[in-house]
Amino acid sequence: MSKDLEFGDALDERDYGLIISEYGELKGIWIPEGQDDDEVPSVIVNICKIFFGIDPNEDNETLH
């Protein structure tokens, strides 16, 4: 993927994106426009639980 491509431009209108630091820490989740109040899909929740120890549908103050 090109470094010149903007993050949002790489995603289709219903895509989610994970923002990960250079150290492999989850920094944020890109949520499609208009879906801010919807639950994050279970596939993405499972990835976040397995790799980052969080459920993005819950209030998580810190990662473990």
PDB file of N, CA and C in Angstrom:
ATOM      1  N   MET A   1       0.843  -1.170   0.000  1.00  0.00           N
ATOM      2  CA  MET A   1       0.000   0.000   0.000  1.00  0.00           C
ATOM      3  C   MET A   1       0.890   1.235   0.000  1.00  0.00           C
ATOM      4  N   SER A   2       0.513   2.189  -0.769  1.00  0.00           N
ATOM      5  CA  SER A   2       1.295   3.411  -0.902  1.00  0.00           C
ATOM      6  C   SER A   2       1.257   4.255   0.367  1.00  0.00           C
ATOM      7  N   LYS A   3       2.387   4.843   0.715  1.00  0.00           N
ATOM      8  CA  LYS A   3       2.442   5.754   1.855  1.00  0.00           C
ATOM      9  C   LYS A   3       1.732   7.056   1.546  1.00  0.00           C
ATOM     10  N   ASP A   4       1.467   7.339   0.263  1.00  0.00           N
ATOM     11  CA  ASP A   4       0.802   8.576  -0.133  1.00  0.00           C
ATOM     12  C   ASP A   4      -0.721   8.480  -0.047  1.00  0.00           C
ATOM     13  N   LEU A   5      -1.244   7.290   0.176  1.00  0.00           N
ATOM     14  CA  LEU A   5      -2.678   7.073   0.253  1.00  0.00           C
ATOM     15  C   LEU A   5      -3.191   7.471   1.633  1.00  0.00           C
ATOM     16  N   GLU A   6      -4.213   8.307   1.683  1.00  0.00           N
ATOM     17  CA  GLU A   6      -4.815   8.697   2.956  1.00  0.00           C
ATOM     18  C   GLU A   6      -5.583   7.506   3.538  1.00  0.00           C
ATOM     19  N   PHE A   7      -5.557   7.386   4.855  1.00  0.00           N
ATOM     20  CA  PHE A   7      -6.199   6.253   5.536  1.00  0.00           C
ATOM     21  C   PHE A   7      -7.662   6.115   5.113  1.00  0.00           C
ATOM     22  N   GLY A   8      -8.406   7.192   5.203  1.00  0.00           N
ATOM     23  CA  GLY A   8      -9.820   7.150   4.842  1.00  0.00           C
ATOM     24  C   GLY A   8     -10.064   6.800   3.392  1.00  0.00           C
ATOM     25  N   ASP A   9      -9.142   7.175   2.522  1.00  0.00           N
ATOM     26  CA  ASP A   9      -9.281   6.879   1.094  1.00  0.00           C
ATOM     27  C   ASP A   9      -9.075   5.393   0.795  1.00  0.00           C
ATOM     28  N   ALA A  10      -8.416   4.679   1.680  1.00  0.00           N
ATOM     29  CA  ALA A  10      -8.149   3.262   1.477  1.00  0.00           C
ATOM     30  C   ALA A  10      -9.364   2.401   1.826  1.00  0.00           C
ATOM     31  N   LEU A  11     -10.366   3.008   2.478  1.00  0.00           N
ATOM     32  CA  LEU A  11     -11.514   2.255   2.963  1.00  0.00           C
ATOM     33  C   LEU A  11     -12.755   2.542   2.127  1.00  0.00           C
ATOM     34  N   ASP A  12     -13.568   1.498   1.939  1.00  0.00           N
ATOM     35  CA  ASP A  12     -14.875   1.692   1.319  1.00  0.00           C
ATOM     36  C   ASP A  12     -15.816   2.275   2.362  1.00  0.00           C
ATOM     37  N   GLU A  13     -17.000   2.693   1.946  1.00  0.00           N
ATOM     38  CA  GLU A  13     -17.877   3.431   2.857  1.00  0.00           C
ATOM     39  C   GLU A  13     -18.356   2.622   4.055  1.00  0.00           C
ATOM     40  N   ARG A  14     -18.320   1.298   4.036  1.00  0.00           N
ATOM     41  CA  ARG A  14     -18.753   0.487   5.175  1.00  0.00           C
ATOM     42  C   ARG A  14     -17.587  -0.235   5.861  1.00  0.00           C
ATOM     43  N   ASP A  15     -16.362   0.091   5.482  1.00  0.00           N
ATOM     44  CA  ASP A  15     -15.186  -0.550   6.076  1.00  0.00           C
ATOM     45  C   ASP A  15     -14.843   0.071   7.431  1.00  0.00           C
ATOM     46  N   TYR A  16     -14.320  -0.765   8.299  1.00  0.00           N
ATOM     47  CA  TYR A  16     -13.733  -0.327   9.565  1.00  0.00           C
ATOM     48  C   TYR A  16     -12.226  -0.397   9.399  1.00  0.00           C
ATOM     49  N   GLY A  17     -11.497   0.345  10.185  1.00  0.00           N
ATOM     50  CA  GLY A  17     -10.042   0.301  10.133  1.00  0.00           C
ATOM     51  C   GLY A  17      -9.468   0.329  11.534  1.00  0.00           C
ATOM     52  N   LEU A  18      -8.409  -0.432  11.739  1.00  0.00           N
ATOM     53  CA  LEU A  18      -7.715  -0.421  13.025  1.00  0.00           C
ATOM     54  C   LEU A  18      -6.484   0.458  12.894  1.00  0.00           C
ATOM     55  N   ILE A  19      -6.287   1.330  13.852  1.00  0.00           N
ATOM     56  CA  ILE A  19      -5.125   2.220  13.867  1.00  0.00           C
ATOM     57  C   ILE A  19      -4.179   1.659  14.924  1.00  0.00           C
ATOM     58  N   ILE A  20      -3.009   1.209  14.470  1.00  0.00           N
ATOM     59  CA  ILE A  20      -2.067   0.491  15.334  1.00  0.00           C
ATOM     60  C   ILE A  20      -0.731   1.234  15.346  1.00  0.00           C
ATOM     61  N   SER A  21      -0.182   1.382  16.543  1.00  0.00           N
ATOM     62  CA  SER A  21       1.098   2.077  16.676  1.00  0.00           C
ATOM     63  C   SER A  21       2.231   1.230  16.111  1.00  0.00           C
ATOM     64  N   GLU A  22       3.383   1.841  15.989  1.00  0.00           N
ATOM     65  CA  GLU A  22       4.557   1.110  15.504  1.00  0.00           C
ATOM     66  C   GLU A  22       4.972   0.005  16.464  1.00  0.00           C
ATOM     67  N   TYR A  23       4.438   0.028  17.690  1.00  0.00           N
ATOM     68  CA  TYR A  23       4.742  -0.993  18.696  1.00  0.00           C
ATOM     69  C   TYR A  23       3.665  -2.062  18.779  1.00  0.00           C
ATOM     70  N   GLY A  24       2.663  -1.997  17.894  1.00  0.00           N
ATOM     71  CA  GLY A  24       1.611  -2.996  17.853  1.00  0.00           C
ATOM     72  C   GLY A  24       0.472  -2.740  18.823  1.00  0.00           C
ATOM     73  N   GLU A  25       0.395  -1.518  19.361  1.00  0.00           N
ATOM     74  CA  GLU A  25      -0.686  -1.172  20.283  1.00  0.00           C
ATOM     75  C   GLU A  25      -1.858  -0.581  19.496  1.00  0.00           C
ATOM     76  N   LEU A  26      -3.072  -0.972  19.871  1.00  0.00           N
ATOM     77  CA  LEU A  26      -4.256  -0.407  19.239  1.00  0.00           C
ATOM     78  C   LEU A  26      -4.435   1.023  19.717  1.00  0.00           C
ATOM     79  N   LYS A  27      -4.464   1.957  18.768  1.00  0.00           N
ATOM     80  CA  LYS A  27      -4.612   3.372  19.112  1.00  0.00           C
ATOM     81  C   LYS A  27      -6.025   3.872  18.845  1.00  0.00           C
ATOM     82  N   GLY A  28      -6.742   3.201  17.942  1.00  0.00           N
ATOM     83  CA  GLY A  28      -8.096   3.633  17.637  1.00  0.00           C
ATOM     84  C   GLY A  28      -8.739   2.763  16.581  1.00  0.00           C
ATOM     85  N   ILE A  29     -10.030   2.994  16.397  1.00  0.00           N
ATOM     86  CA  ILE A  29     -10.792   2.269  15.381  1.00  0.00           C
ATOM     87  C   ILE A  29     -11.487   3.292  14.498  1.00  0.00           C
ATOM     88  N   TRP A  30     -11.267   3.180  13.208  1.00  0.00           N
ATOM     89  CA  TRP A  30     -11.952   4.016  12.223  1.00  0.00           C
ATOM     90  C   TRP A  30     -13.337   3.398  12.040  1.00  0.00           C
ATOM     91  N   ILE A  31     -14.374   4.175  12.302  1.00  0.00           N
ATOM     92  CA  ILE A  31     -15.754   3.707  12.177  1.00  0.00           C
ATOM     93  C   ILE A  31     -16.385   4.430  10.994  1.00  0.00           C
ATOM     94  N   PRO A  32     -17.089   3.676  10.128  1.00  0.00           N
ATOM     95  CA  PRO A  32     -17.688   4.310   8.951  1.00  0.00           C
ATOM     96  C   PRO A  32     -18.659   5.434   9.338  1.00  0.00           C
ATOM     97  N   GLU A  33     -18.693   6.453   8.506  1.00  0.00           N
ATOM     98  CA  GLU A  33     -19.579   7.586   8.736  1.00  0.00           C
ATOM     99  C   GLU A  33     -21.018   7.110   8.870  1.00  0.00           C
ATOM    100  N   GLY A  34     -21.716   7.636   9.867  1.00  0.00           N
ATOM    101  CA  GLY A  34     -23.113   7.289  10.088  1.00  0.00           C
ATOM    102  C   GLY A  34     -23.322   6.050  10.936  1.00  0.00           C
ATOM    103  N   GLN A  35     -22.234   5.369  11.331  1.00  0.00           N
ATOM    104  CA  GLN A  35     -22.362   4.149  12.125  1.00  0.00           C
ATOM    105  C   GLN A  35     -21.785   4.318  13.528  1.00  0.00           C
ATOM    106  N   ASP A  36     -21.599   5.566  13.936  1.00  0.00           N
ATOM    107  CA  ASP A  36     -21.011   5.843  15.249  1.00  0.00           C
ATOM    108  C   ASP A  36     -21.814   5.247  16.402  1.00  0.00           C
ATOM    109  N   ASP A  37     -23.122   5.192  16.263  1.00  0.00           N
ATOM    110  CA  ASP A  37     -23.965   4.691  17.343  1.00  0.00           C
ATOM    111  C   ASP A  37     -24.246   3.197  17.242  1.00  0.00           C
ATOM    112  N   ASP A  38     -23.827   2.560  16.137  1.00  0.00           N
ATOM    113  CA  ASP A  38     -24.031   1.117  15.956  1.00  0.00           C
ATOM    114  C   ASP A  38     -22.936   0.343  16.675  1.00  0.00           C
ATOM    115  N   GLU A  39     -23.244  -0.911  17.036  1.00  0.00           N
ATOM    116  CA  GLU A  39     -22.202  -1.751  17.620  1.00  0.00           C
ATOM    117  C   GLU A  39     -21.184  -2.123  16.551  1.00  0.00           C
ATOM    118  N   VAL A  40     -19.948  -2.285  16.983  1.00  0.00           N
ATOM    119  CA  VAL A  40     -18.885  -2.749  16.087  1.00  0.00           C
ATOM    120  C   VAL A  40     -19.190  -4.207  15.743  1.00  0.00           C
ATOM    121  N   PRO A  41     -19.066  -4.603  14.475  1.00  0.00           N
ATOM    122  CA  PRO A  41     -19.366  -5.982  14.071  1.00  0.00           C
ATOM    123  C   PRO A  41     -18.548  -7.016  14.852  1.00  0.00           C
ATOM    124  N   SER A  42     -19.152  -8.182  15.069  1.00  0.00           N
ATOM    125  CA  SER A  42     -18.537  -9.225  15.897  1.00  0.00           C
ATOM    126  C   SER A  42     -17.175  -9.685  15.377  1.00  0.00           C
ATOM    127  N   VAL A  43     -16.969  -9.689  14.085  1.00  0.00           N
ATOM    128  CA  VAL A  43     -15.670 -10.096  13.524  1.00  0.00           C
ATOM    129  C   VAL A  43     -14.569  -9.156  14.010  1.00  0.00           C
ATOM    130  N   ILE A  44     -14.843  -7.858  14.008  1.00  0.00           N
ATOM    131  CA  ILE A  44     -13.854  -6.876  14.465  1.00  0.00           C
ATOM    132  C   ILE A  44     -13.690  -6.941  15.978  1.00  0.00           C
ATOM    133  N   VAL A  45     -14.803  -7.162  16.688  1.00  0.00           N
ATOM    134  CA  VAL A  45     -14.739  -7.334  18.146  1.00  0.00           C
ATOM    135  C   VAL A  45     -13.827  -8.501  18.486  1.00  0.00           C
ATOM    136  N   ASN A  46     -13.979  -9.620  17.781  1.00  0.00           N
ATOM    137  CA  ASN A  46     -13.144 -10.799  18.050  1.00  0.00           C
ATOM    138  C   ASN A  46     -11.665 -10.503  17.823  1.00  0.00           C
ATOM    139  N   ILE A  47     -11.326  -9.800  16.756  1.00  0.00           N
ATOM    140  CA  ILE A  47      -9.932  -9.427  16.498  1.00  0.00           C
ATOM    141  C   ILE A  47      -9.402  -8.581  17.646  1.00  0.00           C
ATOM    142  N   CYS A  48     -10.195  -7.589  18.057  1.00  0.00           N
ATOM    143  CA  CYS A  48      -9.763  -6.693  19.143  1.00  0.00           C
ATOM    144  C   CYS A  48      -9.602  -7.442  20.457  1.00  0.00           C
ATOM    145  N   LYS A  49     -10.492  -8.395  20.741  1.00  0.00           N
ATOM    146  CA  LYS A  49     -10.388  -9.175  21.983  1.00  0.00           C
ATOM    147  C   LYS A  49      -9.143 -10.053  21.964  1.00  0.00           C
ATOM    148  N   ILE A  50      -8.920 -10.743  20.862  1.00  0.00           N
ATOM    149  CA  ILE A  50      -7.806 -11.682  20.766  1.00  0.00           C
ATOM    150  C   ILE A  50      -6.459 -10.959  20.794  1.00  0.00           C
ATOM    151  N   PHE A  51      -6.312  -9.916  19.987  1.00  0.00           N
ATOM    152  CA  PHE A  51      -5.009  -9.275  19.840  1.00  0.00           C
ATOM    153  C   PHE A  51      -4.745  -8.121  20.804  1.00  0.00           C
ATOM    154  N   PHE A  52      -5.821  -7.457  21.264  1.00  0.00           N
ATOM    155  CA  PHE A  52      -5.614  -6.261  22.083  1.00  0.00           C
ATOM    156  C   PHE A  52      -6.280  -6.337  23.455  1.00  0.00           C
ATOM    157  N   GLY A  53      -7.054  -7.391  23.706  1.00  0.00           N
ATOM    158  CA  GLY A  53      -7.673  -7.579  25.013  1.00  0.00           C
ATOM    159  C   GLY A  53      -8.794  -6.601  25.331  1.00  0.00           C
ATOM    160  N   ILE A  54      -9.455  -6.071  24.297  1.00  0.00           N
ATOM    161  CA  ILE A  54     -10.564  -5.157  24.550  1.00  0.00           C
ATOM    162  C   ILE A  54     -11.778  -5.537  23.707  1.00  0.00           C
ATOM    163  N   ASP A  55     -12.931  -5.107  24.174  1.00  0.00           N
ATOM    164  CA  ASP A  55     -14.168  -5.221  23.412  1.00  0.00           C
ATOM    165  C   ASP A  55     -14.565  -3.801  23.036  1.00  0.00           C
ATOM    166  N   PRO A  56     -14.493  -3.441  21.751  1.00  0.00           N
ATOM    167  CA  PRO A  56     -14.785  -2.068  21.361  1.00  0.00           C
ATOM    168  C   PRO A  56     -16.242  -1.660  21.587  1.00  0.00           C
ATOM    169  N   ASN A  57     -17.113  -2.619  21.884  1.00  0.00           N
ATOM    170  CA  ASN A  57     -18.500  -2.288  22.180  1.00  0.00           C
ATOM    171  C   ASN A  57     -18.720  -1.994  23.663  1.00  0.00           C
ATOM    172  N   GLU A  58     -17.686  -2.159  24.475  1.00  0.00           N
ATOM    173  CA  GLU A  58     -17.754  -1.868  25.903  1.00  0.00           C
ATOM    174  C   GLU A  58     -16.962  -0.596  26.173  1.00  0.00           C
ATOM    175  N   ASP A  59     -17.199   0.027  27.317  1.00  0.00           N
ATOM    176  CA  ASP A  59     -16.395   1.177  27.725  1.00  0.00           C
ATOM    177  C   ASP A  59     -15.071   0.656  28.264  1.00  0.00           C
ATOM    178  N   ASN A  60     -13.997   0.867  27.522  1.00  0.00           N
ATOM    179  CA  ASN A  60     -12.661   0.407  27.910  1.00  0.00           C
ATOM    180  C   ASN A  60     -11.796   1.629  28.188  1.00  0.00           C
ATOM    181  N   GLU A  61     -11.392   1.787  29.411  1.00  0.00           N
ATOM    182  CA  GLU A  61     -10.536   2.917  29.763  1.00  0.00           C
ATOM    183  C   GLU A  61      -9.079   2.637  29.410  1.00  0.00           C
ATOM    184  N   THR A  62      -8.638   1.397  29.606  1.00  0.00           N
ATOM    185  CA  THR A  62      -7.243   1.055  29.324  1.00  0.00           C
ATOM    186  C   THR A  62      -7.175  -0.293  28.630  1.00  0.00           C
ATOM    187  N   LEU A  63      -6.129  -0.503  27.893  1.00  0.00           N
ATOM    188  CA  LEU A  63      -5.855  -1.792  27.271  1.00  0.00           C
ATOM    189  C   LEU A  63      -5.017  -2.601  28.220  1.00  0.00           C
ATOM    190  N   HIS A  64      -5.109  -3.922  28.159  1.00  0.00           N
ATOM    191  CA  HIS A  64      -4.232  -4.755  29.002  1.00  0.00           C
ATOM    192  C   HIS A  64      -3.370  -5.647  28.157  1.00  0.00           C
TER     193      HIS A  64
END
